[in-house]
């Protein structure tokens, strides 16, 4: 009998988002020394929000309208209280993205086709 695994994790900073993107796309140089990482299997990843560029750039694309609105509000802010959008997002301790992984064992996937 197959088992299913579902993992959901909040990502709190844009720096973490960048690192997770490099990891998920197997783009880190450190993987060259780890023979357990099969970079060729990365093409089998299914992304719910298609991201054909770096995760941080996709984040900025998605939040463009919000970022413009935030920057407009900052124009009226006292100089000593102004923060860039990047600073505000990282200082807020909020979740900037959610990473979700759905997986199972080999037996489960052997019964499925790619579609």
PDB file of N, CA and C in Angstrom:
ATOM      1  N   UNK A   1       0.846  -1.181   0.000  1.00  0.00           N
ATOM      2  CA  UNK A   1       0.000   0.000   0.000  1.00  0.00           C
ATOM      3  C   UNK A   1       0.887   1.239   0.000  1.00  0.00           C
ATOM      4  N   UNK A   2       0.529   2.179  -0.841  1.00  0.00           N
ATOM      5  CA  UNK A   2       1.302   3.416  -0.961  1.00  0.00           C
ATOM      6  C   UNK A   2       1.034   4.354   0.211  1.00  0.00           C
ATOM      7  N   UNK A   3       1.965   5.241   0.402  1.00  0.00           N
ATOM      8  CA  UNK A   3       1.785   6.295   1.405  1.00  0.00           C
ATOM      9  C   UNK A   3       1.892   7.639   0.688  1.00  0.00           C
ATOM     10  N   UNK A   4       1.333   8.653   1.287  1.00  0.00           N
ATOM     11  CA  UNK A   4       1.401  10.000   0.716  1.00  0.00           C
ATOM     12  C   UNK A   4       2.058  10.931   1.721  1.00  0.00           C
ATOM     13  N   UNK A   5       2.801  11.876   1.208  1.00  0.00           N
ATOM     14  CA  UNK A   5       3.453  12.868   2.057  1.00  0.00           C
ATOM     15  C   UNK A   5       3.095  14.249   1.522  1.00  0.00           C
ATOM     16  N   UNK A   6       2.658  15.110   2.419  1.00  0.00           N
ATOM     17  CA  UNK A   6       2.340  16.498   2.077  1.00  0.00           C
ATOM     18  C   UNK A   6       3.073  17.380   3.074  1.00  0.00           C
ATOM     19  N   UNK A   7       3.877  18.275   2.568  1.00  0.00           N
ATOM     20  CA  UNK A   7       4.617  19.186   3.438  1.00  0.00           C
ATOM     21  C   UNK A   7       4.358  20.606   2.979  1.00  0.00           C
ATOM     22  N   UNK A   8       4.065  21.467   3.925  1.00  0.00           N
ATOM     23  CA  UNK A   8       3.836  22.878   3.632  1.00  0.00           C
ATOM     24  C   UNK A   8       4.708  23.694   4.581  1.00  0.00           C
ATOM     25  N   UNK A   9       5.445  24.619   4.021  1.00  0.00           N
ATOM     26  CA  UNK A   9       6.350  25.430   4.841  1.00  0.00           C
ATOM     27  C   UNK A   9       6.302  26.873   4.367  1.00  0.00           C
ATOM     28  N   UNK A  10       6.140  27.786   5.307  1.00  0.00           N
ATOM     29  CA  UNK A  10       6.176  29.207   4.988  1.00  0.00           C
ATOM     30  C   UNK A  10       7.609  29.673   4.812  1.00  0.00           C
ATOM     31  N   UNK A  11       7.820  30.567   3.876  1.00  0.00           N
ATOM     32  CA  UNK A  11       9.132  31.153   3.623  1.00  0.00           C
ATOM     33  C   UNK A  11       9.056  32.604   4.070  1.00  0.00           C
ATOM     34  N   UNK A  12       9.926  33.000   4.999  1.00  0.00           N
ATOM     35  CA  UNK A  12       9.790  34.286   5.675  1.00  0.00           C
ATOM     36  C   UNK A  12      10.613  35.434   5.110  1.00  0.00           C
ATOM     37  N   UNK A  13      11.647  35.149   4.353  1.00  0.00           N
ATOM     38  CA  UNK A  13      12.465  36.249   3.824  1.00  0.00           C
ATOM     39  C   UNK A  13      12.717  36.028   2.335  1.00  0.00           C
ATOM     40  N   UNK A  14      13.040  37.102   1.662  1.00  0.00           N
ATOM     41  CA  UNK A  14      13.320  37.005   0.237  1.00  0.00           C
ATOM     42  C   UNK A  14      14.632  36.262  -0.018  1.00  0.00           C
ATOM     43  N   UNK A  15      15.550  36.368   0.905  1.00  0.00           N
ATOM     44  CA  UNK A  15      16.801  35.623   0.788  1.00  0.00           C
ATOM     45  C   UNK A  15      16.529  34.116   0.843  1.00  0.00           C
ATOM     46  N   UNK A  16      15.671  33.709   1.785  1.00  0.00           N
ATOM     47  CA  UNK A  16      15.301  32.292   1.872  1.00  0.00           C
ATOM     48  C   UNK A  16      14.589  31.842   0.601  1.00  0.00           C
ATOM     49  N   UNK A  17      13.742  32.693   0.061  1.00  0.00           N
ATOM     50  CA  UNK A  17      13.023  32.375  -1.174  1.00  0.00           C
ATOM     51  C   UNK A  17      14.011  32.126  -2.320  1.00  0.00           C
ATOM     52  N   UNK A  18      15.035  32.943  -2.408  1.00  0.00           N
ATOM     53  CA  UNK A  18      16.060  32.764  -3.448  1.00  0.00           C
ATOM     54  C   UNK A  18      16.771  31.426  -3.296  1.00  0.00           C
ATOM     55  N   UNK A  19      17.143  31.105  -2.066  1.00  0.00           N
ATOM     56  CA  UNK A  19      17.863  29.856  -1.813  1.00  0.00           C
ATOM     57  C   UNK A  19      17.007  28.634  -2.105  1.00  0.00           C
ATOM     58  N   UNK A  20      15.735  28.693  -1.736  1.00  0.00           N
ATOM     59  CA  UNK A  20      14.830  27.578  -1.985  1.00  0.00           C
ATOM     60  C   UNK A  20      14.631  27.403  -3.490  1.00  0.00           C
ATOM     61  N   UNK A  21      14.554  28.505  -4.211  1.00  0.00           N
ATOM     62  CA  UNK A  21      14.439  28.430  -5.662  1.00  0.00           C
ATOM     63  C   UNK A  21      15.631  27.734  -6.286  1.00  0.00           C
ATOM     64  N   UNK A  22      16.824  28.100  -5.850  1.00  0.00           N
ATOM     65  CA  UNK A  22      18.034  27.448  -6.367  1.00  0.00           C
ATOM     66  C   UNK A  22      18.031  25.968  -6.028  1.00  0.00           C
ATOM     67  N   UNK A  23      17.572  25.634  -4.824  1.00  0.00           N
ATOM     68  CA  UNK A  23      17.517  24.229  -4.405  1.00  0.00           C
ATOM     69  C   UNK A  23      16.517  23.444  -5.256  1.00  0.00           C
ATOM     70  N   UNK A  24      15.293  23.970  -5.391  1.00  0.00           N
ATOM     71  CA  UNK A  24      14.253  23.254  -6.135  1.00  0.00           C
ATOM     72  C   UNK A  24      14.617  23.061  -7.606  1.00  0.00           C
ATOM     73  N   UNK A  25      15.324  24.020  -8.171  1.00  0.00           N
ATOM     74  CA  UNK A  25      15.722  23.923  -9.567  1.00  0.00           C
ATOM     75  C   UNK A  25      17.085  23.244  -9.724  1.00  0.00           C
ATOM     76  N   UNK A  26      17.605  22.776  -8.614  1.00  0.00           N
ATOM     77  CA  UNK A  26      18.898  22.071  -8.578  1.00  0.00           C
ATOM     78  C   UNK A  26      19.996  22.885  -9.263  1.00  0.00           C
ATOM     79  N   UNK A  27      20.031  24.175  -8.953  1.00  0.00           N
ATOM     80  CA  UNK A  27      20.976  25.084  -9.603  1.00  0.00           C
ATOM     81  C   UNK A  27      22.199  25.390  -8.738  1.00  0.00           C
ATOM     82  N   UNK A  28      22.247  24.861  -7.534  1.00  0.00           N
ATOM     83  CA  UNK A  28      23.394  25.150  -6.669  1.00  0.00           C
ATOM     84  C   UNK A  28      24.624  24.373  -7.125  1.00  0.00           C
ATOM     85  N   UNK A  29      25.755  25.006  -7.040  1.00  0.00           N
ATOM     86  CA  UNK A  29      27.014  24.363  -7.412  1.00  0.00           C
ATOM     87  C   UNK A  29      27.326  23.182  -6.490  1.00  0.00           C
ATOM     88  N   UNK A  30      26.895  23.255  -5.235  1.00  0.00           N
ATOM     89  CA  UNK A  30      27.237  22.218  -4.259  1.00  0.00           C
ATOM     90  C   UNK A  30      26.676  20.851  -4.637  1.00  0.00           C
ATOM     91  N   UNK A  31      25.674  20.782  -5.514  1.00  0.00           N
ATOM     92  CA  UNK A  31      25.101  19.491  -5.899  1.00  0.00           C
ATOM     93  C   UNK A  31      26.056  18.657  -6.740  1.00  0.00           C
ATOM     94  N   UNK A  32      27.058  19.288  -7.309  1.00  0.00           N
ATOM     95  CA  UNK A  32      28.013  18.546  -8.132  1.00  0.00           C
ATOM     96  C   UNK A  32      28.757  17.491  -7.318  1.00  0.00           C
ATOM     97  N   UNK A  33      28.932  17.742  -6.030  1.00  0.00           N
ATOM     98  CA  UNK A  33      29.667  16.794  -5.191  1.00  0.00           C
ATOM     99  C   UNK A  33      28.756  15.776  -4.503  1.00  0.00           C
ATOM    100  N   UNK A  34      27.442  15.901  -4.658  1.00  0.00           N
ATOM    101  CA  UNK A  34      26.496  14.976  -4.034  1.00  0.00           C
ATOM    102  C   UNK A  34      25.890  14.078  -5.112  1.00  0.00           C
ATOM    103  N   UNK A  35      26.315  12.835  -5.156  1.00  0.00           N
ATOM    104  CA  UNK A  35      25.867  11.917  -6.205  1.00  0.00           C
ATOM    105  C   UNK A  35      24.422  11.467  -6.014  1.00  0.00           C
ATOM    106  N   UNK A  36      23.832  11.718  -4.836  1.00  0.00           N
ATOM    107  CA  UNK A  36      22.429  11.350  -4.602  1.00  0.00           C
ATOM    108  C   UNK A  36      21.462  12.306  -5.302  1.00  0.00           C
ATOM    109  N   UNK A  37      21.924  13.492  -5.630  1.00  0.00           N
ATOM    110  CA  UNK A  37      21.070  14.477  -6.303  1.00  0.00           C
ATOM    111  C   UNK A  37      21.110  14.184  -7.796  1.00  0.00           C
ATOM    112  N   UNK A  38      19.951  13.891  -8.341  1.00  0.00           N
ATOM    113  CA  UNK A  38      19.852  13.602  -9.778  1.00  0.00           C
ATOM    114  C   UNK A  38      19.236  14.815 -10.465  1.00  0.00           C
ATOM    115  N   UNK A  39      20.114  15.695 -10.939  1.00  0.00           N
ATOM    116  CA  UNK A  39      19.662  16.959 -11.538  1.00  0.00           C
ATOM    117  C   UNK A  39      18.728  16.730 -12.724  1.00  0.00           C
ATOM    118  N   UNK A  40      18.911  15.638 -13.425  1.00  0.00           N
ATOM    119  CA  UNK A  40      18.063  15.367 -14.598  1.00  0.00           C
ATOM    120  C   UNK A  40      16.608  15.104 -14.217  1.00  0.00           C
ATOM    121  N   UNK A  41      16.336  14.778 -12.956  1.00  0.00           N
ATOM    122  CA  UNK A  41      14.961  14.545 -12.509  1.00  0.00           C
ATOM    123  C   UNK A  41      14.203  15.844 -12.215  1.00  0.00           C
ATOM    124  N   UNK A  42      14.890  16.956 -12.212  1.00  0.00           N
ATOM    125  CA  UNK A  42      14.251  18.247 -11.939  1.00  0.00           C
ATOM    126  C   UNK A  42      13.129  18.533 -12.937  1.00  0.00           C
ATOM    127  N   UNK A  43      13.252  18.052 -14.148  1.00  0.00           N
ATOM    128  CA  UNK A  43      12.219  18.301 -15.161  1.00  0.00           C
ATOM    129  C   UNK A  43      10.888  17.649 -14.785  1.00  0.00           C
ATOM    130  N   UNK A  44      10.908  16.715 -13.846  1.00  0.00           N
ATOM    131  CA  UNK A  44       9.673  16.051 -13.402  1.00  0.00           C
ATOM    132  C   UNK A  44       8.940  16.840 -12.321  1.00  0.00           C
ATOM    133  N   UNK A  45       9.556  17.910 -11.816  1.00  0.00           N
ATOM    134  CA  UNK A  45       8.870  18.757 -10.840  1.00  0.00           C
ATOM    135  C   UNK A  45       7.661  19.401 -11.499  1.00  0.00           C
ATOM    136  N   UNK A  46       6.572  19.510 -10.764  1.00  0.00           N
ATOM    137  CA  UNK A  46       5.374  20.185 -11.253  1.00  0.00           C
ATOM    138  C   UNK A  46       5.182  21.426 -10.407  1.00  0.00           C
ATOM    139  N   UNK A  47       5.171  22.588 -11.038  1.00  0.00           N
ATOM    140  CA  UNK A  47       5.020  23.848 -10.328  1.00  0.00           C
ATOM    141  C   UNK A  47       3.596  24.358 -10.484  1.00  0.00           C
ATOM    142  N   UNK A  48       2.936  24.648  -9.372  1.00  0.00           N
ATOM    143  CA  UNK A  48       1.581  25.185  -9.423  1.00  0.00           C
ATOM    144  C   UNK A  48       1.580  26.609  -9.958  1.00  0.00           C
ATOM    145  N   UNK A  49       2.588  27.379  -9.582  1.00  0.00           N
ATOM    146  CA  UNK A  49       2.805  28.710 -10.155  1.00  0.00           C
ATOM    147  C   UNK A  49       4.076  28.572 -10.989  1.00  0.00           C
ATOM    148  N   UNK A  50       3.911  28.537 -12.290  1.00  0.00           N
ATOM    149  CA  UNK A  50       5.055  28.317 -13.184  1.00  0.00           C
ATOM    150  C   UNK A  50       6.083  29.415 -13.004  1.00  0.00           C
ATOM    151  N   UNK A  51       7.302  29.000 -12.807  1.00  0.00           N
ATOM    152  CA  UNK A  51       8.372  29.955 -12.546  1.00  0.00           C
ATOM    153  C   UNK A  51       9.564  29.589 -13.419  1.00  0.00           C
ATOM    154  N   UNK A  52       9.634  30.193 -14.596  1.00  0.00           N
ATOM    155  CA  UNK A  52      10.722  29.881 -15.515  1.00  0.00           C
ATOM    156  C   UNK A  52      11.913  30.827 -15.340  1.00  0.00           C
ATOM    157  N   UNK A  53      11.906  31.532 -14.231  1.00  0.00           N
ATOM    158  CA  UNK A  53      13.034  32.393 -13.897  1.00  0.00           C
ATOM    159  C   UNK A  53      13.312  32.228 -12.411  1.00  0.00           C
ATOM    160  N   UNK A  54      14.169  33.048 -11.865  1.00  0.00           N
ATOM    161  CA  UNK A  54      14.480  32.935 -10.443  1.00  0.00           C
ATOM    162  C   UNK A  54      13.253  33.266  -9.602  1.00  0.00           C
ATOM    163  N   UNK A  55      13.113  32.583  -8.473  1.00  0.00           N
ATOM    164  CA  UNK A  55      11.946  32.766  -7.604  1.00  0.00           C
ATOM    165  C   UNK A  55      11.796  34.218  -7.156  1.00  0.00           C
ATOM    166  N   UNK A  56      12.909  34.879  -6.868  1.00  0.00           N
ATOM    167  CA  UNK A  56      12.842  36.247  -6.372  1.00  0.00           C
ATOM    168  C   UNK A  56      12.290  37.182  -7.455  1.00  0.00           C
ATOM    169  N   UNK A  57      12.664  36.943  -8.698  1.00  0.00           N
ATOM    170  CA  UNK A  57      12.134  37.761  -9.798  1.00  0.00           C
ATOM    171  C   UNK A  57      10.643  37.504  -9.977  1.00  0.00           C
ATOM    172  N   UNK A  58      10.224  36.260  -9.825  1.00  0.00           N
ATOM    173  CA  UNK A  58       8.796  35.941  -9.925  1.00  0.00           C
ATOM    174  C   UNK A  58       8.029  36.615  -8.787  1.00  0.00           C
ATOM    175  N   UNK A  59       8.615  36.636  -7.591  1.00  0.00           N
ATOM    176  CA  UNK A  59       7.989  37.317  -6.457  1.00  0.00           C
ATOM    177  C   UNK A  59       7.766  38.791  -6.788  1.00  0.00           C
ATOM    178  N   UNK A  60       8.790  39.446  -7.345  1.00  0.00           N
ATOM    179  CA  UNK A  60       8.662  40.862  -7.693  1.00  0.00           C
ATOM    180  C   UNK A  60       7.647  41.074  -8.815  1.00  0.00           C
ATOM    181  N   UNK A  61       7.545  40.136  -9.740  1.00  0.00           N
ATOM    182  CA  UNK A  61       6.510  40.234 -10.790  1.00  0.00           C
ATOM    183  C   UNK A  61       5.116  40.162 -10.170  1.00  0.00           C
ATOM    184  N   UNK A  62       4.924  39.203  -9.291  1.00  0.00           N
ATOM    185  CA  UNK A  62       3.612  38.978  -8.679  1.00  0.00           C
ATOM    186  C   UNK A  62       3.202  40.146  -7.790  1.00  0.00           C
ATOM    187  N   UNK A  63       4.173  40.752  -7.106  1.00  0.00           N
ATOM    188  CA  UNK A  63       3.856  41.816  -6.139  1.00  0.00           C
ATOM    189  C   UNK A  63       4.050  43.223  -6.712  1.00  0.00           C
ATOM    190  N   UNK A  64       4.164  43.341  -8.018  1.00  0.00           N
ATOM    191  CA  UNK A  64       4.451  44.634  -8.650  1.00  0.00           C
ATOM    192  C   UNK A  64       3.469  45.728  -8.227  1.00  0.00           C
ATOM    193  N   UNK A  65       2.166  45.461  -8.304  1.00  0.00           N
ATOM    194  CA  UNK A  65       1.167  46.478  -7.951  1.00  0.00           C
ATOM    195  C   UNK A  65       1.258  46.857  -6.471  1.00  0.00           C
ATOM    196  N   UNK A  66       1.436  45.873  -5.625  1.00  0.00           N
ATOM    197  CA  UNK A  66       1.551  46.137  -4.193  1.00  0.00           C
ATOM    198  C   UNK A  66       2.811  46.954  -3.904  1.00  0.00           C
ATOM    199  N   UNK A  67       3.910  46.597  -4.575  1.00  0.00           N
ATOM    200  CA  UNK A  67       5.174  47.319  -4.372  1.00  0.00           C
ATOM    201  C   UNK A  67       5.034  48.781  -4.788  1.00  0.00           C
ATOM    202  N   UNK A  68       4.372  49.044  -5.911  1.00  0.00           N
ATOM    203  CA  UNK A  68       4.163  50.426  -6.366  1.00  0.00           C
ATOM    204  C   UNK A  68       3.308  51.204  -5.369  1.00  0.00           C
ATOM    205  N   UNK A  69       2.261  50.571  -4.867  1.00  0.00           N
ATOM    206  CA  UNK A  69       1.404  51.212  -3.864  1.00  0.00           C
ATOM    207  C   UNK A  69       2.200  51.512  -2.588  1.00  0.00           C
ATOM    208  N   UNK A  70       3.005  50.567  -2.154  1.00  0.00           N
ATOM    209  CA  UNK A  70       3.834  50.755  -0.966  1.00  0.00           C
ATOM    210  C   UNK A  70       4.812  51.916  -1.177  1.00  0.00           C
ATOM    211  N   UNK A  71       5.485  51.948  -2.306  1.00  0.00           N
ATOM    212  CA  UNK A  71       6.453  53.013  -2.584  1.00  0.00           C
ATOM    213  C   UNK A  71       5.783  54.379  -2.628  1.00  0.00           C
ATOM    214  N   UNK A  72       4.560  54.429  -3.119  1.00  0.00           N
ATOM    215  CA  UNK A  72       3.810  55.687  -3.150  1.00  0.00           C
ATOM    216  C   UNK A  72       3.524  56.165  -1.718  1.00  0.00           C
ATOM    217  N   UNK A  73       3.158  55.244  -0.837  1.00  0.00           N
ATOM    218  CA  UNK A  73       2.907  55.611   0.575  1.00  0.00           C
ATOM    219  C   UNK A  73       4.183  56.099   1.249  1.00  0.00           C
ATOM    220  N   UNK A  74       5.314  55.566   0.845  1.00  0.00           N
ATOM    221  CA  UNK A  74       6.587  55.956   1.453  1.00  0.00           C
ATOM    222  C   UNK A  74       6.985  57.393   1.109  1.00  0.00           C
ATOM    223  N   UNK A  75       6.449  57.922   0.035  1.00  0.00           N
ATOM    224  CA  UNK A  75       6.762  59.302  -0.350  1.00  0.00           C
ATOM    225  C   UNK A  75       6.349  60.299   0.728  1.00  0.00           C
ATOM    226  N   UNK A  76       5.315  60.003   1.487  1.00  0.00           N
ATOM    227  CA  UNK A  76       4.823  60.895   2.540  1.00  0.00           C
ATOM    228  C   UNK A  76       5.354  60.530   3.927  1.00  0.00           C
ATOM    229  N   UNK A  77       6.214  59.540   3.986  1.00  0.00           N
ATOM    230  CA  UNK A  77       6.751  59.064   5.263  1.00  0.00           C
ATOM    231  C   UNK A  77       7.949  59.925   5.680  1.00  0.00           C
ATOM    232  N   UNK A  78       8.087  60.093   7.002  1.00  0.00           N
ATOM    233  CA  UNK A  78       9.272  60.800   7.512  1.00  0.00           C
ATOM    234  C   UNK A  78      10.519  60.050   7.054  1.00  0.00           C
ATOM    235  N   UNK A  79      11.574  60.789   6.774  1.00  0.00           N
ATOM    236  CA  UNK A  79      12.809  60.210   6.249  1.00  0.00           C
ATOM    237  C   UNK A  79      13.365  59.114   7.151  1.00  0.00           C
ATOM    238  N   UNK A  80      13.311  59.304   8.463  1.00  0.00           N
ATOM    239  CA  UNK A  80      13.876  58.311   9.377  1.00  0.00           C
ATOM    240  C   UNK A  80      13.015  57.046   9.492  1.00  0.00           C
ATOM    241  N   UNK A  81      11.828  57.063   8.924  1.00  0.00           N
ATOM    242  CA  UNK A  81      10.953  55.882   8.969  1.00  0.00           C
ATOM    243  C   UNK A  81      10.806  55.185   7.616  1.00  0.00           C
ATOM    244  N   UNK A  82      11.425  55.740   6.589  1.00  0.00           N
ATOM    245  CA  UNK A  82      11.293  55.149   5.262  1.00  0.00           C
ATOM    246  C   UNK A  82      12.035  53.819   5.189  1.00  0.00           C
ATOM    247  N   UNK A  83      11.388  52.886   4.504  1.00  0.00           N
ATOM    248  CA  UNK A  83      11.996  51.584   4.255  1.00  0.00           C
ATOM    249  C   UNK A  83      11.739  51.219   2.806  1.00  0.00           C
ATOM    250  N   UNK A  84      12.693  50.539   2.225  1.00  0.00           N
ATOM    251  CA  UNK A  84      12.466  50.031   0.874  1.00  0.00           C
ATOM    252  C   UNK A  84      11.462  48.876   0.964  1.00  0.00           C
ATOM    253  N   UNK A  85      10.873  48.532  -0.145  1.00  0.00           N
ATOM    254  CA  UNK A  85       9.929  47.414  -0.184  1.00  0.00           C
ATOM    255  C   UNK A  85      10.618  46.141   0.300  1.00  0.00           C
ATOM    256  N   UNK A  86      11.848  45.932  -0.142  1.00  0.00           N
ATOM    257  CA  UNK A  86      12.638  44.765   0.266  1.00  0.00           C
ATOM    258  C   UNK A  86      12.801  44.729   1.784  1.00  0.00           C
ATOM    259  N   UNK A  87      13.173  45.868   2.384  1.00  0.00           N
ATOM    260  CA  UNK A  87      13.331  45.936   3.851  1.00  0.00           C
ATOM    261  C   UNK A  87      12.016  45.656   4.562  1.00  0.00           C
ATOM    262  N   UNK A  88      10.947  46.233   4.065  1.00  0.00           N
ATOM    263  CA  UNK A  88       9.640  46.051   4.695  1.00  0.00           C
ATOM    264  C   UNK A  88       9.234  44.579   4.685  1.00  0.00           C
ATOM    265  N   UNK A  89       9.402  43.918   3.561  1.00  0.00           N
ATOM    266  CA  UNK A  89       9.013  42.512   3.449  1.00  0.00           C
ATOM    267  C   UNK A  89       9.840  41.656   4.404  1.00  0.00           C
ATOM    268  N   UNK A  90      11.136  41.872   4.450  1.00  0.00           N
ATOM    269  CA  UNK A  90      12.002  41.057   5.310  1.00  0.00           C
ATOM    270  C   UNK A  90      11.827  41.361   6.783  1.00  0.00           C
ATOM    271  N   UNK A  91      11.526  42.618   7.130  1.00  0.00           N
ATOM    272  CA  UNK A  91      11.364  43.000   8.535  1.00  0.00           C
ATOM    273  C   UNK A  91      10.001  42.630   9.093  1.00  0.00           C
ATOM    274  N   UNK A  92       9.043  42.335   8.236  1.00  0.00           N
ATOM    275  CA  UNK A  92       7.664  42.123   8.696  1.00  0.00           C
ATOM    276  C   UNK A  92       7.457  40.787   9.392  1.00  0.00           C
ATOM    277  N   UNK A  93       8.385  39.868   9.239  1.00  0.00           N
ATOM    278  CA  UNK A  93       8.267  38.521   9.815  1.00  0.00           C
ATOM    279  C   UNK A  93       7.038  37.795   9.264  1.00  0.00           C
ATOM    280  N   UNK A  94       6.596  38.215   8.100  1.00  0.00           N
ATOM    281  CA  UNK A  94       5.453  37.581   7.443  1.00  0.00           C
ATOM    282  C   UNK A  94       5.951  36.473   6.529  1.00  0.00           C
ATOM    283  N   UNK A  95       5.042  35.713   6.013  1.00  0.00           N
ATOM    284  CA  UNK A  95       5.366  34.687   5.044  1.00  0.00           C
ATOM    285  C   UNK A  95       5.297  35.316   3.654  1.00  0.00           C
ATOM    286  N   UNK A  96       6.400  35.243   2.907  1.00  0.00           N
ATOM    287  CA  UNK A  96       6.430  35.831   1.570  1.00  0.00           C
ATOM    288  C   UNK A  96       6.006  34.823   0.506  1.00  0.00           C
ATOM    289  N   UNK A  97       6.072  33.536   0.837  1.00  0.00           N
ATOM    290  CA  UNK A  97       5.652  32.475  -0.087  1.00  0.00           C
ATOM    291  C   UNK A  97       5.463  31.201   0.718  1.00  0.00           C
ATOM    292  N   UNK A  98       4.737  30.276   0.149  1.00  0.00           N
ATOM    293  CA  UNK A  98       4.565  28.953   0.752  1.00  0.00           C
ATOM    294  C   UNK A  98       5.147  27.918  -0.192  1.00  0.00           C
ATOM    295  N   UNK A  99       5.897  27.021   0.375  1.00  0.00           N
ATOM    296  CA  UNK A  99       6.416  25.902  -0.403  1.00  0.00           C
ATOM    297  C   UNK A  99       5.619  24.674   0.006  1.00  0.00           C
ATOM    298  N   UNK A 100       5.071  23.985  -0.983  1.00  0.00           N
ATOM    299  CA  UNK A 100       4.295  22.777  -0.714  1.00  0.00           C
ATOM    300  C   UNK A 100       4.872  21.632  -1.522  1.00  0.00           C
ATOM    301  N   UNK A 101       5.017  20.509  -0.882  1.00  0.00           N
ATOM    302  CA  UNK A 101       5.522  19.318  -1.556  1.00  0.00           C
ATOM    303  C   UNK A 101       4.517  18.196  -1.349  1.00  0.00           C
ATOM    304  N   UNK A 102       4.089  17.618  -2.451  1.00  0.00           N
ATOM    305  CA  UNK A 102       3.213  16.460  -2.439  1.00  0.00           C
ATOM    306  C   UNK A 102       4.012  15.309  -3.042  1.00  0.00           C
ATOM    307  N   UNK A 103       4.104  14.218  -2.344  1.00  0.00           N
ATOM    308  CA  UNK A 103       4.856  13.102  -2.888  1.00  0.00           C
ATOM    309  C   UNK A 103       4.316  11.781  -2.358  1.00  0.00           C
ATOM    310  N   UNK A 104       4.822  10.719  -2.890  1.00  0.00           N
ATOM    311  CA  UNK A 104       4.421   9.377  -2.476  1.00  0.00           C
ATOM    312  C   UNK A 104       5.588   8.450  -2.765  1.00  0.00           C
ATOM    313  N   UNK A 105       5.318   7.156  -2.652  1.00  0.00           N
ATOM    314  CA  UNK A 105       6.386   6.197  -2.912  1.00  0.00           C
ATOM    315  C   UNK A 105       6.409   5.813  -4.395  1.00  0.00           C
ATOM    316  N   UNK A 106       7.421   5.075  -4.776  1.00  0.00           N
ATOM    317  CA  UNK A 106       7.614   4.692  -6.173  1.00  0.00           C
ATOM    318  C   UNK A 106       6.426   3.897  -6.707  1.00  0.00           C
ATOM    319  N   UNK A 107       5.868   3.010  -5.908  1.00  0.00           N
ATOM    320  CA  UNK A 107       4.729   2.170  -6.325  1.00  0.00           C
ATOM    321  C   UNK A 107       3.550   3.028  -6.804  1.00  0.00           C
ATOM    322  N   UNK A 108       3.276   4.101  -6.093  1.00  0.00           N
ATOM    323  CA  UNK A 108       2.181   4.998  -6.459  1.00  0.00           C
ATOM    324  C   UNK A 108       2.431   5.631  -7.829  1.00  0.00           C
ATOM    325  N   UNK A 109       3.636   6.144  -8.039  1.00  0.00           N
ATOM    326  CA  UNK A 109       3.948   6.841  -9.287  1.00  0.00           C
ATOM    327  C   UNK A 109       4.081   5.897 -10.474  1.00  0.00           C
ATOM    328  N   UNK A 110       4.452   4.653 -10.229  1.00  0.00           N
ATOM    329  CA  UNK A 110       4.545   3.690 -11.317  1.00  0.00           C
ATOM    330  C   UNK A 110       3.195   3.455 -11.992  1.00  0.00           C
ATOM    331  N   UNK A 111       2.107   3.683 -11.277  1.00  0.00           N
ATOM    332  CA  UNK A 111       0.757   3.470 -11.813  1.00  0.00           C
ATOM    333  C   UNK A 111       0.252   4.660 -12.624  1.00  0.00           C
ATOM    334  N   UNK A 112       0.965   5.776 -12.605  1.00  0.00           N
ATOM    335  CA  UNK A 112       0.508   7.000 -13.273  1.00  0.00           C
ATOM    336  C   UNK A 112       1.293   7.267 -14.552  1.00  0.00           C
ATOM    337  N   UNK A 113       0.650   7.987 -15.464  1.00  0.00           N
ATOM    338  CA  UNK A 113       1.404   8.480 -16.606  1.00  0.00           C
ATOM    339  C   UNK A 113       1.772   9.942 -16.345  1.00  0.00           C
ATOM    340  N   UNK A 114       2.566  10.524 -17.179  1.00  0.00           N
ATOM    341  CA  UNK A 114       3.060  11.886 -16.966  1.00  0.00           C
ATOM    342  C   UNK A 114       1.938  12.923 -16.860  1.00  0.00           C
ATOM    343  N   UNK A 115       0.886  12.788 -17.683  1.00  0.00           N
ATOM    344  CA  UNK A 115      -0.212  13.728 -17.672  1.00  0.00           C
ATOM    345  C   UNK A 115      -0.975  13.646 -16.377  1.00  0.00           C
TER     346      UNK A 115
END
